[in-house]
Protein backbone atom coordinates (compact mmCIF):
# COMPACT_ATOMS: atom_id res chain seq x y z
CA UNK A 1 -39.75 -50.14 41.96
CA UNK A 2 -43.27 -48.86 42.46
CA UNK A 3 -44.42 -46.00 40.30
CA UNK A 4 -46.38 -43.76 42.63
CA UNK A 5 -48.00 -41.64 39.95
CA UNK A 6 -50.89 -40.54 42.20
CA UNK A 7 -48.26 -38.98 44.43
CA UNK A 8 -47.20 -36.65 41.65
CA UNK A 9 -50.79 -35.70 40.96
CA UNK A 10 -51.25 -34.35 44.46
CA UNK A 11 -47.88 -32.63 44.57
CA UNK A 12 -48.76 -29.92 42.08
CA UNK A 13 -48.96 -26.61 43.91
CA UNK A 14 -51.31 -23.75 43.21
CA UNK A 15 -48.59 -21.11 42.86
CA UNK A 16 -47.03 -21.57 39.44
CA UNK A 17 -44.14 -19.49 38.09
CA UNK A 18 -43.69 -19.36 34.32
CA UNK A 19 -40.08 -19.52 33.13
CA UNK A 20 -38.45 -19.41 29.75
CA UNK A 21 -36.66 -22.52 28.49
CA UNK A 22 -33.50 -20.43 28.64
CA UNK A 23 -33.08 -21.68 32.18
CA UNK A 24 -34.42 -18.78 34.25
CA UNK A 25 -36.48 -20.94 36.61
CA UNK A 26 -35.45 -20.10 40.21
CA UNK A 27 -34.93 -23.81 40.98
CA UNK A 28 -32.40 -24.10 38.15
CA UNK A 29 -30.51 -21.04 39.35
CA UNK A 30 -30.49 -22.41 42.90
CA UNK A 31 -29.09 -25.75 41.67
CA UNK A 32 -26.39 -23.99 39.64
CA UNK A 33 -25.28 -22.15 42.77
CA UNK A 34 -25.28 -25.36 44.84
CA UNK A 35 -23.39 -27.29 42.16
CA UNK A 36 -20.72 -24.58 41.96
CA UNK A 37 -19.83 -25.37 45.58
CA UNK A 38 -19.07 -29.07 45.03
CA UNK A 39 -16.14 -30.83 43.42
CA UNK A 40 -17.66 -34.31 43.30
CA UNK A 41 -20.72 -36.36 44.22
CA UNK A 42 -21.99 -39.92 44.52
CA UNK A 43 -25.57 -41.15 44.40
CA UNK A 44 -27.82 -44.12 43.69
CA UNK A 45 -30.31 -43.89 40.82
CA UNK A 46 -33.46 -46.05 40.76
CA UNK A 47 -34.61 -46.02 37.15
CA UNK A 48 -37.60 -47.42 35.27
CA UNK A 49 -37.63 -46.98 31.48
CA UNK A 50 -40.07 -48.04 28.79
CA UNK A 51 -39.66 -48.18 25.02
CA UNK A 52 -42.47 -49.69 23.00
CA UNK A 53 -43.34 -52.99 24.68
CA UNK A 54 -39.97 -53.22 26.42
CA UNK A 55 -39.31 -52.09 30.00
CA UNK A 56 -36.18 -51.91 32.10
CA UNK A 57 -35.71 -51.52 35.86
CA UNK A 58 -32.21 -50.76 37.09
CA UNK A 59 -30.40 -49.42 40.14
CA UNK A 60 -27.18 -47.56 39.38
CA UNK A 61 -24.31 -46.36 41.57
CA UNK A 62 -22.95 -43.10 40.16
CA UNK A 63 -19.71 -41.28 41.02
CA UNK A 64 -18.79 -37.93 39.45
CA UNK A 65 -15.82 -35.59 39.81
CA UNK A 66 -15.38 -32.28 38.04
CA UNK A 67 -14.76 -31.54 35.29
CA UNK A 68 -15.79 -34.74 33.48
CA UNK A 69 -14.95 -37.94 35.38
CA UNK A 70 -17.80 -40.44 35.72
CA UNK A 71 -18.04 -44.02 37.01
CA UNK A 72 -21.19 -46.10 37.09
CA UNK A 73 -22.10 -49.60 38.25
CA UNK A 74 -25.40 -51.45 37.75
CA UNK A 75 -26.30 -52.67 41.23
CA UNK A 76 -29.59 -54.34 40.28
CA UNK A 77 -31.51 -55.17 37.14
CA UNK A 78 -30.62 -55.91 33.54
CA UNK A 79 -26.82 -56.07 33.24
CA UNK A 80 -26.27 -56.34 37.00
CA UNK A 81 -22.59 -56.07 37.86
CA UNK A 82 -21.70 -54.21 34.66
CA UNK A 83 -19.97 -50.88 34.96
CA UNK A 84 -18.22 -48.18 33.01
CA UNK A 85 -15.92 -45.19 33.32
CA UNK A 86 -16.10 -42.07 31.16
CA UNK A 87 -13.46 -39.34 31.29
CA UNK A 88 -14.58 -37.26 28.34
CA UNK A 89 -14.50 -38.05 24.64
CA UNK A 90 -16.46 -40.68 22.75
CA UNK A 91 -15.37 -43.86 24.52
CA UNK A 92 -16.28 -45.73 27.70
CA UNK A 93 -14.02 -48.13 29.55
CA UNK A 94 -16.29 -50.85 30.85
CA UNK A 95 -16.81 -54.39 32.03
CA UNK A 96 -19.69 -56.84 32.07
CA UNK A 97 -21.09 -58.44 35.20
CA UNK A 98 -20.68 -61.95 36.56
CA UNK A 99 -17.73 -64.11 35.58
CA UNK A 100 -16.76 -61.61 32.87
CA UNK A 101 -16.32 -58.71 35.31
CA UNK A 102 -12.54 -58.98 35.13
CA UNK A 103 -12.48 -58.35 31.39
CA UNK A 104 -12.31 -54.61 30.64
CA UNK A 105 -12.81 -53.11 27.19
CA UNK A 106 -13.17 -49.72 25.58
CA UNK A 107 -16.30 -49.21 23.51
CA UNK A 108 -18.14 -46.34 21.85
CA UNK A 109 -20.07 -44.07 24.19
CA UNK A 110 -23.29 -44.93 22.34
CA UNK A 111 -22.68 -48.67 22.10
CA UNK A 112 -25.81 -50.60 23.15
CA UNK A 113 -23.80 -52.17 26.00
CA UNK A 114 -23.08 -48.71 27.41
CA UNK A 115 -26.55 -47.15 27.24
CA UNK A 116 -29.93 -47.69 28.87
CA UNK A 117 -33.04 -49.02 27.15
CA UNK A 118 -33.91 -45.53 25.85
CA UNK A 119 -30.33 -44.86 24.75
CA UNK A 120 -29.23 -42.71 27.69
CA UNK A 121 -25.42 -42.58 27.84
CA UNK A 122 -23.36 -42.52 31.03
CA UNK A 123 -22.72 -38.73 30.95
CA UNK A 124 -26.33 -37.93 29.96
CA UNK A 125 -27.54 -39.40 33.26
CA UNK A 126 -25.43 -36.99 35.30
CA UNK A 127 -27.61 -34.78 37.48
CA UNK A 128 -26.16 -31.49 36.12
CA UNK A 129 -26.94 -32.75 32.59
CA UNK A 130 -30.50 -33.51 33.65
CA UNK A 131 -30.88 -29.95 34.95
CA UNK A 132 -29.40 -28.54 31.74
CA UNK A 133 -32.16 -30.15 29.70
CA UNK A 134 -34.81 -28.12 31.49
CA UNK A 135 -32.98 -24.93 30.56
CA UNK A 136 -32.16 -25.76 26.94
CA UNK A 137 -34.93 -27.91 25.42
CA UNK A 138 -37.41 -25.60 23.63
CA UNK A 139 -40.86 -25.58 25.19
CA UNK A 140 -42.88 -24.11 28.03
CA UNK A 141 -41.17 -24.46 31.40
CA UNK A 142 -43.05 -23.76 34.63
CA UNK A 143 -42.06 -23.97 38.26
CA UNK A 144 -44.47 -24.69 41.10
CA UNK A 145 -44.56 -26.05 44.64
CA UNK A 146 -43.79 -29.76 44.56
CA UNK A 147 -44.92 -30.73 48.05
CA UNK A 148 -43.08 -33.41 50.00
CA UNK A 149 -41.25 -36.41 48.59
CA UNK A 150 -39.77 -38.69 51.21
CA UNK A 151 -40.41 -36.00 53.79
CA UNK A 152 -38.47 -33.38 51.81
CA UNK A 153 -40.13 -30.20 50.52
CA UNK A 154 -39.59 -29.78 46.79
CA UNK A 155 -39.81 -27.43 43.83
CA UNK A 156 -41.44 -28.85 40.70
CA UNK A 157 -40.29 -28.09 37.16
CA UNK A 158 -42.66 -29.05 34.34
CA UNK A 159 -41.41 -28.82 30.76
CA UNK A 160 -43.97 -29.12 27.96
CA UNK A 161 -41.73 -29.88 24.99
CA UNK A 162 -42.31 -27.82 21.84
CA UNK A 163 -41.19 -30.52 19.41
CA UNK A 164 -41.19 -34.03 20.91
CA UNK A 165 -39.80 -35.47 17.66
CA UNK A 166 -36.53 -33.70 18.46
CA UNK A 167 -36.61 -34.97 22.07
CA UNK A 168 -36.74 -38.76 21.53
CA UNK A 169 -40.53 -38.51 21.45
CA UNK A 170 -40.74 -37.15 25.01
CA UNK A 171 -43.54 -34.58 25.17
CA UNK A 172 -43.43 -33.73 28.88
CA UNK A 173 -40.79 -34.08 31.57
CA UNK A 174 -41.17 -33.26 35.25
CA UNK A 175 -38.42 -32.78 37.80
CA UNK A 176 -38.61 -32.43 41.59
CA UNK A 177 -35.75 -30.72 43.42
CA UNK A 178 -35.13 -30.48 47.15
CA UNK A 179 -35.81 -27.06 48.64
CA UNK A 180 -33.03 -27.81 51.14
CA UNK A 181 -30.16 -28.96 48.90
CA UNK A 182 -31.60 -27.81 45.52
CA UNK A 183 -30.50 -31.13 44.00
CA UNK A 184 -32.87 -33.36 41.99
CA UNK A 185 -34.91 -35.98 43.86
CA UNK A 186 -37.14 -37.45 41.16
CA UNK A 187 -37.85 -37.17 37.45
CA UNK A 188 -40.61 -38.57 35.25
CA UNK A 189 -41.09 -38.37 31.48
CA UNK A 190 -44.00 -39.01 29.14
CA UNK A 191 -44.45 -39.76 25.46
CA UNK A 192 -48.00 -38.51 25.10
CA UNK A 193 -49.78 -40.16 28.02
CA UNK A 194 -47.34 -43.08 28.25
CA UNK A 195 -44.86 -43.08 31.13
CA UNK A 196 -41.38 -43.77 29.72
CA UNK A 197 -39.12 -42.75 32.61
CA UNK A 198 -39.52 -42.81 36.39
CA UNK A 199 -36.26 -42.11 38.18
CA UNK A 200 -35.42 -41.30 41.79
CA UNK A 201 -32.17 -40.17 43.42
CA UNK A 202 -31.07 -41.72 46.71
CA UNK A 203 -28.07 -41.45 49.01
CA UNK A 204 -26.71 -38.27 47.43
CA UNK A 205 -23.35 -37.27 48.91
CA UNK A 206 -21.27 -34.28 47.84
CA UNK A 207 -17.59 -33.40 48.28
CA UNK A 208 -16.67 -36.94 49.27
CA UNK A 209 -13.02 -36.53 48.25
CA UNK A 210 -12.86 -38.46 44.97
CA UNK A 211 -9.60 -38.41 42.96
CA UNK A 212 -8.63 -39.43 39.44
CA UNK A 213 -7.56 -42.84 40.78
CA UNK A 214 -11.25 -43.54 41.43
CA UNK A 215 -11.87 -43.44 37.66
CA UNK A 216 -9.54 -46.03 36.08
CA UNK A 217 -9.72 -45.77 32.30
């Protein structure tokens, strides 16, 4: 994927609203209200991660049903064809890609086969979890106009982290949310000046009618 960093530079609006990291940003409240009206969602995540000299580009298919059913499949990139199901607890039921796709196993939630390059677990990549971080990680949180991304007007949340050492080294994280749906569209993270995450959300669908049978564990 292309990392259109200049795009983010021009998206910063002049009207900036300071918010406490207790989650009082209007965009967070708007998402909470929108999320309360859905029972499930599916989406595609395009993710670039960097850790030291290593990088990883992946495309994930995500399915989620309240309260804690998650299924993911790597559509493209490292581990293509691999997938996992999480239904709460500390285990993931998963399979590898290719000729081994028929072999299912249960592994620890934090097993290297079940996490991304930067150690993100299946439930941590859920969009509500992403939003929660902006309301709970100590630091200075501001909200401003985000401009248009893919033709959609956005709100921009910018969290300057108080103690990056307690946040996997991430010192700043920025999130763009649709003004129409109030759901996340894109997120980027930095360790100092180094880009370590660039993630976009595509094909978001809510209340699609998922059931427990869609999450075989």
